[in-house]
C-alpha atoms as a PDB file:
ATOM      1  CA  MET A   1      -2.195 -23.899 -30.645  1.00  0.00           C
ATOM      2  CA  ASN A   2      -1.375 -25.600 -26.716  1.00  0.00           C
ATOM      3  CA  LYS A   3      -4.988 -24.814 -25.133  1.00  0.00           C
ATOM      4  CA  PRO A   4      -4.615 -24.076 -21.581  1.00  0.00           C
ATOM      5  CA  ILE A   5      -6.979 -26.093 -18.795  1.00  0.00           C
ATOM      6  CA  ILE A   6      -8.975 -23.351 -16.835  1.00  0.00           C
ATOM      7  CA  GLY A   7     -10.448 -25.131 -14.082  1.00  0.00           C
ATOM      8  CA  ILE A   8     -13.809 -22.558 -13.096  1.00  0.00           C
ATOM      9  CA  PRO A   9     -14.928 -23.110  -9.083  1.00  0.00           C
ATOM     10  CA  ILE A  10     -18.928 -22.897  -9.356  1.00  0.00           C
ATOM     11  CA  GLY A  11     -18.495 -19.910  -6.580  1.00  0.00           C
ATOM     12  CA  ASP A  12     -21.709 -19.981  -3.795  1.00  0.00           C
ATOM     13  CA  PRO A  13     -24.029 -21.693  -5.093  1.00  0.00           C
ATOM     14  CA  ALA A  14     -26.879 -19.758  -3.661  1.00  0.00           C
ATOM     15  CA  GLY A  15     -25.596 -16.927  -6.303  1.00  0.00           C
ATOM     16  CA  VAL A  16     -24.999 -16.636  -9.881  1.00  0.00           C
ATOM     17  CA  GLY A  17     -21.711 -18.058  -9.320  1.00  0.00           C
ATOM     18  CA  PRO A  18     -22.709 -21.285 -11.232  1.00  0.00           C
ATOM     19  CA  GLU A  19     -25.211 -19.572 -13.641  1.00  0.00           C
ATOM     20  CA  ILE A  20     -22.087 -17.974 -15.490  1.00  0.00           C
ATOM     21  CA  ALA A  21     -20.337 -20.727 -15.397  1.00  0.00           C
ATOM     22  CA  ILE A  22     -22.400 -22.806 -17.127  1.00  0.00           C
ATOM     23  CA  LYS A  23     -23.640 -19.882 -19.485  1.00  0.00           C
ATOM     24  CA  SER A  24     -19.860 -19.077 -19.983  1.00  0.00           C
ATOM     25  CA  LEU A  25     -19.554 -22.844 -21.422  1.00  0.00           C
ATOM     26  CA  ALA A  26     -22.339 -22.729 -23.849  1.00  0.00           C
ATOM     27  CA  GLU A  27     -19.989 -20.204 -25.764  1.00  0.00           C
ATOM     28  CA  LYS A  28     -18.154 -21.900 -28.456  1.00  0.00           C
ATOM     29  CA  GLU A  29     -15.313 -19.289 -28.559  1.00  0.00           C
ATOM     30  CA  ILE A  30     -14.204 -20.809 -24.901  1.00  0.00           C
ATOM     31  CA  TYR A  31     -13.275 -24.138 -26.333  1.00  0.00           C
ATOM     32  CA  ASP A  32     -11.874 -22.842 -29.611  1.00  0.00           C
ATOM     33  CA  ILE A  33      -9.307 -20.807 -26.891  1.00  0.00           C
ATOM     34  CA  CYS A  34      -9.259 -23.170 -23.861  1.00  0.00           C
ATOM     35  CA  LYS A  35      -9.570 -26.276 -22.484  1.00  0.00           C
ATOM     36  CA  PRO A  36     -12.227 -25.073 -19.452  1.00  0.00           C
ATOM     37  CA  VAL A  37     -13.125 -28.090 -16.356  1.00  0.00           C
ATOM     38  CA  LEU A  38     -15.497 -27.185 -13.926  1.00  0.00           C
ATOM     39  CA  ILE A  39     -15.458 -27.269 -10.009  1.00  0.00           C
ATOM     40  CA  GLY A  40     -18.621 -27.676  -7.899  1.00  0.00           C
ATOM     41  CA  ASP A  41     -21.341 -29.921  -6.783  1.00  0.00           C
ATOM     42  CA  GLU A  42     -22.743 -32.136  -9.500  1.00  0.00           C
ATOM     43  CA  HIS A  43     -26.434 -31.697  -8.425  1.00  0.00           C
ATOM     44  CA  ILE A  44     -26.271 -27.841  -9.130  1.00  0.00           C
ATOM     45  CA  VAL A  45     -25.219 -27.641 -12.165  1.00  0.00           C
ATOM     46  CA  LYS A  46     -27.340 -30.497 -13.148  1.00  0.00           C
ATOM     47  CA  LYS A  47     -29.916 -27.869 -11.509  1.00  0.00           C
ATOM     48  CA  MET A  48     -28.329 -24.965 -13.269  1.00  0.00           C
ATOM     49  CA  ILE A  49     -28.499 -26.505 -16.810  1.00  0.00           C
ATOM     50  CA  GLU A  50     -32.143 -27.465 -16.538  1.00  0.00           C
ATOM     51  CA  ILE A  51     -33.095 -23.895 -15.536  1.00  0.00           C
ATOM     52  CA  LEU A  52     -31.438 -22.253 -18.048  1.00  0.00           C
ATOM     53  CA  ASN A  53     -33.203 -25.325 -20.551  1.00  0.00           C
ATOM     54  CA  LEU A  54     -29.011 -25.936 -22.504  1.00  0.00           C
ATOM     55  CA  ASP A  55     -28.917 -28.823 -24.303  1.00  0.00           C
ATOM     56  CA  LEU A  56     -25.465 -29.655 -22.419  1.00  0.00           C
ATOM     57  CA  LYS A  57     -24.153 -32.875 -21.068  1.00  0.00           C
ATOM     58  CA  ILE A  58     -21.852 -33.562 -18.024  1.00  0.00           C
ATOM     59  CA  ASN A  59     -18.621 -35.564 -18.315  1.00  0.00           C
ATOM     60  CA  SER A  60     -17.645 -36.113 -13.873  1.00  0.00           C
ATOM     61  CA  ILE A  61     -13.816 -36.489 -13.920  1.00  0.00           C
ATOM     62  CA  ASP A  62     -11.677 -37.045 -11.253  1.00  0.00           C
ATOM     63  CA  ASN A  63      -8.468 -34.924 -12.317  1.00  0.00           C
ATOM     64  CA  ALA A  64      -8.920 -31.813 -15.245  1.00  0.00           C
ATOM     65  CA  LYS A  65      -6.369 -34.186 -17.668  1.00  0.00           C
ATOM     66  CA  ALA A  66      -9.574 -36.204 -18.077  1.00  0.00           C
ATOM     67  CA  GLY A  67     -11.587 -33.932 -19.388  1.00  0.00           C
ATOM     68  CA  PHE A  68     -13.015 -34.064 -23.188  1.00  0.00           C
ATOM     69  CA  TYR A  69     -12.818 -30.540 -23.521  1.00  0.00           C
ATOM     70  CA  GLN A  70     -15.863 -30.843 -26.488  1.00  0.00           C
ATOM     71  CA  PHE A  71     -18.444 -28.118 -26.995  1.00  0.00           C
ATOM     72  CA  GLY A  72     -21.572 -29.394 -25.629  1.00  0.00           C
ATOM     73  CA  ILE A  73     -19.723 -31.360 -22.657  1.00  0.00           C
ATOM     74  CA  ILE A  74     -18.879 -29.820 -19.613  1.00  0.00           C
ATOM     75  CA  ASP A  75     -16.140 -31.352 -17.812  1.00  0.00           C
ATOM     76  CA  LEU A  76     -17.145 -31.587 -14.117  1.00  0.00           C
ATOM     77  CA  VAL A  77     -14.115 -32.263 -11.342  1.00  0.00           C
ATOM     78  CA  ALA A  78     -17.302 -32.855  -8.732  1.00  0.00           C
ATOM     79  CA  VAL A  79     -17.332 -31.712  -4.994  1.00  0.00           C
ATOM     80  CA  ASN A  80     -20.617 -33.086  -3.987  1.00  0.00           C
ATOM     81  CA  ASN A  81     -21.646 -31.025  -0.555  1.00  0.00           C
ATOM     82  CA  ILE A  82     -24.704 -29.533  -1.175  1.00  0.00           C
ATOM     83  CA  ASP A  83     -27.990 -31.285   0.117  1.00  0.00           C
ATOM     84  CA  ILE A  84     -29.866 -30.160  -2.962  1.00  0.00           C
ATOM     85  CA  ASP A  85     -33.004 -29.831  -0.895  1.00  0.00           C
ATOM     86  CA  LYS A  86     -31.782 -27.186   1.181  1.00  0.00           C
ATOM     87  CA  LEU A  87     -30.458 -24.982  -1.477  1.00  0.00           C
ATOM     88  CA  ALA A  88     -32.344 -21.546  -1.481  1.00  0.00           C
ATOM     89  CA  PHE A  89     -31.101 -18.807  -4.745  1.00  0.00           C
ATOM     90  CA  GLY A  90     -30.249 -15.740  -3.171  1.00  0.00           C
ATOM     91  CA  LYS A  91     -29.649 -16.669   0.498  1.00  0.00           C
ATOM     92  CA  VAL A  92     -26.702 -16.244   2.933  1.00  0.00           C
ATOM     93  CA  GLN A  93     -26.289 -19.601   4.126  1.00  0.00           C
ATOM     94  CA  GLY A  94     -23.701 -21.807   5.888  1.00  0.00           C
ATOM     95  CA  MET A  95     -23.624 -24.859   3.456  1.00  0.00           C
ATOM     96  CA  CYS A  96     -23.012 -22.189   0.686  1.00  0.00           C
ATOM     97  CA  GLY A  97     -20.618 -20.792   2.115  1.00  0.00           C
ATOM     98  CA  LYS A  98     -18.441 -23.915   3.158  1.00  0.00           C
ATOM     99  CA  ALA A  99     -19.376 -25.394  -0.154  1.00  0.00           C
ATOM    100  CA  ALA A 100     -17.694 -22.594  -2.088  1.00  0.00           C
ATOM    101  CA  PHE A 101     -14.561 -22.656  -0.189  1.00  0.00           C
ATOM    102  CA  GLU A 102     -14.248 -26.329  -0.938  1.00  0.00           C
ATOM    103  CA  TYR A 103     -14.618 -25.580  -4.793  1.00  0.00           C
ATOM    104  CA  ILE A 104     -11.738 -22.863  -4.220  1.00  0.00           C
ATOM    105  CA  LYS A 105      -9.760 -25.293  -2.347  1.00  0.00           C
ATOM    106  CA  LYS A 106      -9.709 -28.127  -4.831  1.00  0.00           C
ATOM    107  CA  ALA A 107      -9.067 -25.610  -7.725  1.00  0.00           C
ATOM    108  CA  VAL A 108      -6.097 -24.801  -5.945  1.00  0.00           C
ATOM    109  CA  GLU A 109      -4.927 -28.543  -5.067  1.00  0.00           C
ATOM    110  CA  LEU A 110      -5.322 -28.857  -8.911  1.00  0.00           C
ATOM    111  CA  ALA A 111      -3.418 -25.999  -9.677  1.00  0.00           C
ATOM    112  CA  MET A 112      -0.706 -26.635  -7.005  1.00  0.00           C
ATOM    113  CA  GLU A 113      -0.551 -30.267  -8.626  1.00  0.00           C
ATOM    114  CA  ASN A 114      -0.387 -28.907 -12.098  1.00  0.00           C
ATOM    115  CA  ASP A 115      -3.202 -30.327 -13.182  1.00  0.00           C
ATOM    116  CA  ILE A 116      -5.040 -27.013 -14.284  1.00  0.00           C
ATOM    117  CA  ASP A 117      -2.887 -24.065 -15.710  1.00  0.00           C
ATOM    118  CA  SER A 118      -5.256 -21.431 -13.972  1.00  0.00           C
ATOM    119  CA  ILE A 119      -8.101 -20.681 -11.764  1.00  0.00           C
ATOM    120  CA  ALA A 120     -11.015 -18.470 -12.844  1.00  0.00           C
ATOM    121  CA  THR A 121     -12.876 -17.573 -10.159  1.00  0.00           C
ATOM    122  CA  THR A 122     -17.202 -16.835  -9.715  1.00  0.00           C
ATOM    123  CA  PRO A 123     -18.286 -14.724  -6.989  1.00  0.00           C
ATOM    124  CA  ILE A 124     -18.897 -15.662  -3.351  1.00  0.00           C
ATOM    125  CA  ASN A 125     -20.271 -14.750  -0.691  1.00  0.00           C
ATOM    126  CA  LYS A 126     -18.226 -12.683   2.493  1.00  0.00           C
ATOM    127  CA  GLU A 127     -21.689 -13.318   5.086  1.00  0.00           C
ATOM    128  CA  SER A 128     -21.576 -17.276   3.699  1.00  0.00           C
ATOM    129  CA  LEU A 129     -18.085 -17.745   4.118  1.00  0.00           C
ATOM    130  CA  LYS A 130     -18.967 -16.429   7.899  1.00  0.00           C
ATOM    131  CA  ALA A 131     -21.972 -18.669   8.538  1.00  0.00           C
ATOM    132  CA  GLY A 132     -20.174 -21.333   7.281  1.00  0.00           C
ATOM    133  CA  LYS A 133     -17.272 -20.848   9.525  1.00  0.00           C
ATOM    134  CA  VAL A 134     -14.605 -20.047   6.765  1.00  0.00           C
ATOM    135  CA  PRO A 135     -12.216 -18.227   8.377  1.00  0.00           C
ATOM    136  CA  TYR A 136     -11.158 -15.626   5.671  1.00  0.00           C
ATOM    137  CA  ILE A 137     -13.098 -12.870   4.232  1.00  0.00           C
ATOM    138  CA  GLY A 138     -12.914 -13.526   0.368  1.00  0.00           C
ATOM    139  CA  HIS A 139     -10.932 -14.965  -2.423  1.00  0.00           C
ATOM    140  CA  THR A 140      -7.193 -13.279  -2.554  1.00  0.00           C
ATOM    141  CA  GLU A 141      -6.719 -14.243   1.472  1.00  0.00           C
ATOM    142  CA  ILE A 142      -8.088 -18.252   0.456  1.00  0.00           C
ATOM    143  CA  LEU A 143      -6.002 -18.314  -2.609  1.00  0.00           C
ATOM    144  CA  ALA A 144      -2.953 -17.014  -0.487  1.00  0.00           C
ATOM    145  CA  ASP A 145      -3.566 -18.923   2.659  1.00  0.00           C
ATOM    146  CA  LEU A 146      -3.708 -22.136   0.269  1.00  0.00           C
ATOM    147  CA  SER A 147      -0.506 -21.285  -2.336  1.00  0.00           C
ATOM    148  CA  ASN A 148       1.677 -20.191   0.831  1.00  0.00           C
ATOM    149  CA  THR A 149       1.827 -16.573  -1.012  1.00  0.00           C
ATOM    150  CA  GLN A 150       2.450 -13.526   0.991  1.00  0.00           C
ATOM    151  CA  ASP A 151       0.233 -10.321  -0.397  1.00  0.00           C
ATOM    152  CA  PRO A 152      -0.398 -11.434  -3.752  1.00  0.00           C
ATOM    153  CA  LEU A 153      -0.759  -8.948  -6.012  1.00  0.00           C
ATOM    154  CA  THR A 154      -3.612  -7.594  -7.677  1.00  0.00           C
ATOM    155  CA  MET A 155      -4.049  -6.446 -11.072  1.00  0.00           C
ATOM    156  CA  PHE A 156      -7.435  -5.386 -13.506  1.00  0.00           C
ATOM    157  CA  GLU A 157      -7.410  -5.979 -16.844  1.00  0.00           C
ATOM    158  CA  ILE A 158      -9.286  -3.911 -19.240  1.00  0.00           C
ATOM    159  CA  GLU A 159      -8.703  -3.742 -22.746  1.00  0.00           C
ATOM    160  CA  LYS A 160      -5.190  -1.902 -23.057  1.00  0.00           C
ATOM    161  CA  LEU A 161      -5.307  -0.706 -19.816  1.00  0.00           C
ATOM    162  CA  ARG A 162      -4.135  -2.663 -16.616  1.00  0.00           C
ATOM    163  CA  VAL A 163      -3.709  -1.276 -13.186  1.00  0.00           C
ATOM    164  CA  PHE A 164      -2.118  -2.369 -10.244  1.00  0.00           C
ATOM    165  CA  PHE A 165      -2.657  -1.598  -6.064  1.00  0.00           C
ATOM    166  CA  LEU A 166      -0.699  -0.416  -3.929  1.00  0.00           C
ATOM    167  CA  SER A 167      -3.273  -1.048  -1.041  1.00  0.00           C
ATOM    168  CA  ARG A 168      -6.879  -2.843  -1.277  1.00  0.00           C
ATOM    169  CA  HIS A 169      -9.310  -2.886   1.455  1.00  0.00           C
ATOM    170  CA  VAL A 170      -8.137   0.222   3.961  1.00  0.00           C
ATOM    171  CA  SER A 171      -9.531   3.524   4.877  1.00  0.00           C
ATOM    172  CA  LEU A 172      -8.967   6.272   2.558  1.00  0.00           C
ATOM    173  CA  ARG A 173      -6.708   7.689   5.418  1.00  0.00           C
ATOM    174  CA  LYS A 174      -4.620   4.471   6.113  1.00  0.00           C
ATOM    175  CA  ALA A 175      -4.233   4.017   2.158  1.00  0.00           C
ATOM    176  CA  ILE A 176      -2.857   7.531   2.352  1.00  0.00           C
ATOM    177  CA  ASP A 177      -0.835   6.355   5.167  1.00  0.00           C
ATOM    178  CA  LEU A 178       0.275   3.664   3.001  1.00  0.00           C
ATOM    179  CA  VAL A 179       2.208   5.857   0.394  1.00  0.00           C
ATOM    180  CA  LYS A 180       6.317   5.282   1.181  1.00  0.00           C
ATOM    181  CA  LYS A 181       8.940   5.602  -1.108  1.00  0.00           C
ATOM    182  CA  ASP A 182      10.057   2.550   0.097  1.00  0.00           C
ATOM    183  CA  ARG A 183       6.263   0.868  -0.469  1.00  0.00           C
ATOM    184  CA  LEU A 184       6.544   2.573  -3.572  1.00  0.00           C
ATOM    185  CA  LYS A 185       9.573   0.975  -4.566  1.00  0.00           C
ATOM    186  CA  ASP A 186       8.601  -2.657  -3.790  1.00  0.00           C
ATOM    187  CA  TYR A 187       5.426  -2.245  -5.410  1.00  0.00           C
ATOM    188  CA  ILE A 188       6.988  -1.019  -8.934  1.00  0.00           C
ATOM    189  CA  LYS A 189       9.411  -3.423  -8.996  1.00  0.00           C
ATOM    190  CA  ARG A 190       6.370  -5.971  -8.301  1.00  0.00           C
ATOM    191  CA  SER A 191       4.479  -5.093 -10.433  1.00  0.00           C
ATOM    192  CA  ILE A 192       6.908  -5.177 -13.453  1.00  0.00           C
ATOM    193  CA  ASP A 193       7.834  -9.251 -12.371  1.00  0.00           C
ATOM    194  CA  ALA A 194       4.038  -9.464 -12.939  1.00  0.00           C
ATOM    195  CA  LEU A 195       3.982  -7.894 -16.228  1.00  0.00           C
ATOM    196  CA  ASP A 196       7.023 -10.358 -17.277  1.00  0.00           C
ATOM    197  CA  ARG A 197       5.101 -12.993 -16.014  1.00  0.00           C
ATOM    198  CA  LEU A 198       1.963 -12.470 -18.712  1.00  0.00           C
ATOM    199  CA  GLY A 199       4.311 -11.670 -21.229  1.00  0.00           C
ATOM    200  CA  VAL A 200       3.374  -7.879 -21.311  1.00  0.00           C
ATOM    201  CA  LYS A 201       5.900  -5.683 -21.921  1.00  0.00           C
ATOM    202  CA  GLY A 202       6.356  -1.277 -21.428  1.00  0.00           C
ATOM    203  CA  THR A 203       6.233   1.428 -18.810  1.00  0.00           C
ATOM    204  CA  ILE A 204       5.008   1.173 -15.744  1.00  0.00           C
ATOM    205  CA  ALA A 205       3.514   4.868 -14.952  1.00  0.00           C
ATOM    206  CA  VAL A 206       2.366   5.931 -11.236  1.00  0.00           C
ATOM    207  CA  ALA A 207      -0.232   7.649 -10.296  1.00  0.00           C
ATOM    208  CA  GLY A 208      -0.451  10.779  -8.737  1.00  0.00           C
ATOM    209  CA  LEU A 209      -1.987  10.867  -5.307  1.00  0.00           C
ATOM    210  CA  ASN A 210      -3.319  14.623  -4.710  1.00  0.00           C
ATOM    211  CA  PRO A 211      -4.804  16.671  -7.770  1.00  0.00           C
ATOM    212  CA  HIS A 212      -1.943  17.232 -10.039  1.00  0.00           C
ATOM    213  CA  SER A 213       0.329  14.911  -8.820  1.00  0.00           C
ATOM    214  CA  GLY A 214       0.510  18.232  -5.716  1.00  0.00           C
ATOM    215  CA  GLU A 215       0.827  20.727  -8.099  1.00  0.00           C
ATOM    216  CA  HIS A 216       4.573  21.044  -6.979  1.00  0.00           C
ATOM    217  CA  GLY A 217       4.005  21.012  -2.916  1.00  0.00           C
ATOM    218  CA  LEU A 218       0.938  23.008  -3.478  1.00  0.00           C
ATOM    219  CA  PHE A 219      -1.972  20.536  -2.522  1.00  0.00           C
ATOM    220  CA  GLY A 220       0.036  18.217  -0.483  1.00  0.00           C
ATOM    221  CA  ASP A 221       3.182  17.300  -0.501  1.00  0.00           C
ATOM    222  CA  GLU A 222       3.136  13.669  -0.727  1.00  0.00           C
ATOM    223  CA  ASP A 223       3.929  13.279  -4.353  1.00  0.00           C
ATOM    224  CA  ASN A 224       7.187  15.223  -3.751  1.00  0.00           C
ATOM    225  CA  VAL A 225       8.582  14.041  -0.925  1.00  0.00           C
ATOM    226  CA  GLU A 226       7.181  10.185  -1.191  1.00  0.00           C
ATOM    227  CA  ILE A 227       6.083   9.596  -5.020  1.00  0.00           C
ATOM    228  CA  VAL A 228       9.236  11.320  -6.767  1.00  0.00           C
ATOM    229  CA  PRO A 229      12.421   9.434  -5.037  1.00  0.00           C
ATOM    230  CA  ALA A 230      11.116   6.431  -5.566  1.00  0.00           C
ATOM    231  CA  VAL A 231      10.443   6.959  -9.279  1.00  0.00           C
ATOM    232  CA  ALA A 232      13.703   7.945  -9.399  1.00  0.00           C
ATOM    233  CA  GLU A 233      15.420   5.554  -7.833  1.00  0.00           C
ATOM    234  CA  MET A 234      14.060   2.776  -9.595  1.00  0.00           C
ATOM    235  CA  LYS A 235      14.671   4.216 -12.495  1.00  0.00           C
ATOM    236  CA  GLU A 236      18.263   4.579 -11.255  1.00  0.00           C
ATOM    237  CA  LEU A 237      18.470   0.878 -10.364  1.00  0.00           C
ATOM    238  CA  GLY A 238      17.418  -0.144 -14.509  1.00  0.00           C
ATOM    239  CA  TYR A 239      13.210  -0.377 -14.282  1.00  0.00           C
ATOM    240  CA  ASP A 240      11.030   1.217 -16.403  1.00  0.00           C
ATOM    241  CA  VAL A 241       8.946   3.629 -14.787  1.00  0.00           C
ATOM    242  CA  ILE A 242       7.712   7.159 -14.633  1.00  0.00           C
ATOM    243  CA  GLY A 243       5.633   9.021 -12.460  1.00  0.00           C
ATOM    244  CA  PRO A 244       4.027  10.522 -10.857  1.00  0.00           C
ATOM    245  CA  ILE A 245       1.171  11.313 -13.702  1.00  0.00           C
ATOM    246  CA  PRO A 246      -1.901  12.665 -12.510  1.00  0.00           C
ATOM    247  CA  ALA A 247      -4.661  10.545 -11.532  1.00  0.00           C
ATOM    248  CA  ASP A 248      -7.760  12.653 -13.988  1.00  0.00           C
ATOM    249  CA  SER A 249      -5.159  11.992 -17.312  1.00  0.00           C
ATOM    250  CA  VAL A 250      -3.187   8.675 -16.275  1.00  0.00           C
ATOM    251  CA  PHE A 251      -5.530   6.165 -17.040  1.00  0.00           C
ATOM    252  CA  ALA A 252      -7.284   7.718 -20.163  1.00  0.00           C
ATOM    253  CA  LYS A 253      -3.263   7.419 -21.172  1.00  0.00           C
ATOM    254  CA  GLY A 254      -3.205   3.761 -20.057  1.00  0.00           C
ATOM    255  CA  LEU A 255      -6.731   3.420 -21.811  1.00  0.00           C
ATOM    256  CA  ASP A 256      -4.893   3.918 -24.898  1.00  0.00           C
ATOM    257  CA  GLY A 257      -1.669   1.931 -24.526  1.00  0.00           C
ATOM    258  CA  ARG A 258       0.869   4.785 -23.499  1.00  0.00           C
ATOM    259  CA  TYR A 259       1.529   2.319 -20.714  1.00  0.00           C
ATOM    260  CA  GLY A 260       2.339  -1.708 -19.521  1.00  0.00           C
ATOM    261  CA  ALA A 261       0.332  -0.552 -16.344  1.00  0.00           C
ATOM    262  CA  ILE A 262      -0.215   2.110 -14.342  1.00  0.00           C
ATOM    263  CA  LEU A 263       0.329   1.697  -9.949  1.00  0.00           C
ATOM    264  CA  SER A 264      -3.184   2.788  -8.505  1.00  0.00           C
ATOM    265  CA  LEU A 265      -2.685   4.853  -5.038  1.00  0.00           C
ATOM    266  CA  TYR A 266      -5.099   3.382  -3.682  1.00  0.00           C
ATOM    267  CA  HIS A 267      -8.851   0.934  -4.202  1.00  0.00           C
ATOM    268  CA  ASP A 268     -11.328   3.142  -5.522  1.00  0.00           C
ATOM    269  CA  GLN A 269      -8.763   5.472  -7.619  1.00  0.00           C
ATOM    270  CA  GLY A 270      -8.614   2.324 -10.091  1.00  0.00           C
ATOM    271  CA  HIS A 271     -11.810   0.674  -9.491  1.00  0.00           C
ATOM    272  CA  ILE A 272     -13.409   3.660 -10.634  1.00  0.00           C
ATOM    273  CA  ALA A 273     -11.244   4.058 -13.638  1.00  0.00           C
ATOM    274  CA  THR A 274     -11.475   0.748 -14.881  1.00  0.00           C
ATOM    275  CA  LYS A 275     -15.143   0.006 -13.875  1.00  0.00           C
ATOM    276  CA  THR A 276     -16.373   3.196 -15.120  1.00  0.00           C
ATOM    277  CA  TYR A 277     -15.260   2.396 -18.745  1.00  0.00           C
ATOM    278  CA  ASP A 278     -16.756  -0.800 -18.521  1.00  0.00           C
ATOM    279  CA  PHE A 279     -18.083  -2.568 -15.559  1.00  0.00           C
ATOM    280  CA  HIS A 280     -18.899  -6.137 -16.980  1.00  0.00           C
ATOM    281  CA  ARG A 281     -15.510  -6.426 -18.750  1.00  0.00           C
ATOM    282  CA  THR A 282     -13.246  -5.646 -16.081  1.00  0.00           C
ATOM    283  CA  ILE A 283     -11.309  -8.175 -14.774  1.00  0.00           C
ATOM    284  CA  SER A 284      -9.339  -8.823 -12.159  1.00  0.00           C
ATOM    285  CA  LEU A 285      -5.998 -10.853 -11.798  1.00  0.00           C
ATOM    286  CA  THR A 286      -3.976 -12.291  -8.743  1.00  0.00           C
ATOM    287  CA  ASN A 287      -0.275 -12.302  -9.567  1.00  0.00           C
ATOM    288  CA  GLY A 288       2.140 -13.609  -7.566  1.00  0.00           C
ATOM    289  CA  MET A 289       1.306 -16.885  -6.831  1.00  0.00           C
ATOM    290  CA  PRO A 290       2.184 -20.378  -8.281  1.00  0.00           C
ATOM    291  CA  PHE A 291      -0.854 -20.153 -10.524  1.00  0.00           C
ATOM    292  CA  LEU A 292      -2.655 -17.657 -12.317  1.00  0.00           C
ATOM    293  CA  ARG A 293      -5.878 -16.761 -11.215  1.00  0.00           C
ATOM    294  CA  THR A 294      -8.453 -14.105 -13.117  1.00  0.00           C
ATOM    295  CA  SER A 295     -12.080 -13.570 -11.306  1.00  0.00           C
ATOM    296  CA  VAL A 296     -15.295 -11.522 -12.703  1.00  0.00           C
ATOM    297  CA  ASP A 297     -14.900  -8.456 -10.588  1.00  0.00           C
ATOM    298  CA  HIS A 298     -18.796  -8.349  -9.165  1.00  0.00           C
ATOM    299  CA  GLY A 299     -20.797  -9.980  -6.085  1.00  0.00           C
ATOM    300  CA  THR A 300     -22.891 -12.848  -5.895  1.00  0.00           C
ATOM    301  CA  ALA A 301     -25.963 -11.036  -7.404  1.00  0.00           C
ATOM    302  CA  PHE A 302     -28.215 -12.730  -4.849  1.00  0.00           C
ATOM    303  CA  ASP A 303     -31.158 -10.472  -5.916  1.00  0.00           C
ATOM    304  CA  ILE A 304     -30.973 -12.226  -9.198  1.00  0.00           C
ATOM    305  CA  ALA A 305     -29.704 -15.378  -8.387  1.00  0.00           C
ATOM    306  CA  GLY A 306     -31.318 -18.735 -10.242  1.00  0.00           C
ATOM    307  CA  LYS A 307     -33.753 -16.557 -12.558  1.00  0.00           C
ATOM    308  CA  ASN A 308     -31.755 -17.186 -15.945  1.00  0.00           C
ATOM    309  CA  ILE A 309     -31.151 -13.457 -16.130  1.00  0.00           C
ATOM    310  CA  ALA A 310     -27.616 -13.237 -14.804  1.00  0.00           C
ATOM    311  CA  ASN A 311     -25.591 -11.692 -17.432  1.00  0.00           C
ATOM    312  CA  PRO A 312     -22.124 -14.095 -18.200  1.00  0.00           C
ATOM    313  CA  ILE A 313     -20.028 -11.259 -19.934  1.00  0.00           C
ATOM    314  CA  SER A 314     -17.555 -10.548 -17.068  1.00  0.00           C
ATOM    315  CA  MET A 315     -16.974 -14.479 -16.417  1.00  0.00           C
ATOM    316  CA  ILE A 316     -16.043 -15.044 -19.923  1.00  0.00           C
ATOM    317  CA  GLU A 317     -13.898 -12.556 -20.677  1.00  0.00           C
ATOM    318  CA  ALA A 318     -12.280 -13.565 -17.229  1.00  0.00           C
ATOM    319  CA  ILE A 319     -11.930 -16.950 -19.012  1.00  0.00           C
ATOM    320  CA  LYS A 320     -10.728 -15.494 -21.879  1.00  0.00           C
ATOM    321  CA  VAL A 321      -7.841 -13.002 -19.836  1.00  0.00           C
ATOM    322  CA  ALA A 322      -6.535 -16.362 -18.013  1.00  0.00           C
ATOM    323  CA  ALA A 323      -6.157 -18.451 -21.405  1.00  0.00           C
ATOM    324  CA  LYS A 324      -4.528 -15.695 -23.158  1.00  0.00           C
ATOM    325  CA  TYR A 325      -2.122 -15.313 -20.425  1.00  0.00           C
ATOM    326  CA  SER A 326      -1.736 -18.978 -18.830  1.00  0.00           C
ATOM    327  CA  ASN A 327       0.730 -20.645 -21.185  1.00  0.00           C
ATOM    328  CA  ASN A 328       3.187 -17.289 -20.284  1.00  0.00           C
ATOM    329  CA  PHE A 329       3.514 -17.472 -16.901  1.00  0.00           C
ATOM    330  CA  LYS A 330       3.475 -21.601 -16.568  1.00  0.00           C
ATOM    331  CA  LYS A 331       6.434 -21.195 -18.755  1.00  0.00           C
ATOM    332  CA  GLN A 332       7.859 -18.013 -16.394  1.00  0.00           C
ATOM    333  CA  GLN A 333       7.151 -20.152 -13.465  1.00  0.00           C
ATOM    334  CA  LYS A 334       9.413 -22.703 -14.349  1.00  0.00           C
END
């Protein structure tokens, strides 16, 4: 198998990112499916290996192609930008916010140069970014700007359930206002294109907005006025899409594998469905960029950082999902 090279920026040094990244690379199964390379400060990686009491060596490299990719050896593209004596786990620090941004920037540079195939990100902290004078609020905005991508497409995956989002971080009132026919048509097309890049086939199911998808106008008319015509017009164009399907059942059907993916109409509609089923194994994918990015879907967990108690399951799954889709994504990009 042509194992993809997965770049893993270690995230905010004061959070759990370095810990879960290194714990993930202490699992042999990761090396069976891909070639993982860490991107971060070598002093932090060494310190974390000591805290975790793991028998791991470091191979410091300038580019990912030079990695050994052997279990027991961490290949590290070093970006040394932290005063280790001033690092305080579990605290907002501008130094750490700036450092986390620089790890992501390096990962994007490697991806754009085809030195790595995909990126699996660890948590960063919005307050630390602000304290470090980094002019972004999160990963998606950073990645979009650095890769010159307009409006990247987020997808969640847990087992057979895949969920796209019509809107992300806006108020519920604003999210309802964004449920418009033209926007729906655009997202249906983009979602199907995204599935094609991942090598996934299947119907896109559009979730209903109102209870029972409005019950023919009894509980709101957005479903009939905006969603129904959007789906009908896309069907006429040959797209494999159905909906609206009531939101109280569509995600269960998706989990059973009935659909290729579901288009959730707002942030919490899809987040609650996926995370309630399995919080730790719900993985976020960012599509529509020149490279594939997967991510844990939890934060920096400052309350447990540096204590060797962080659960690496989500990071392990993020690397696995990146490895699962990476080769097909790269092939479709050519």
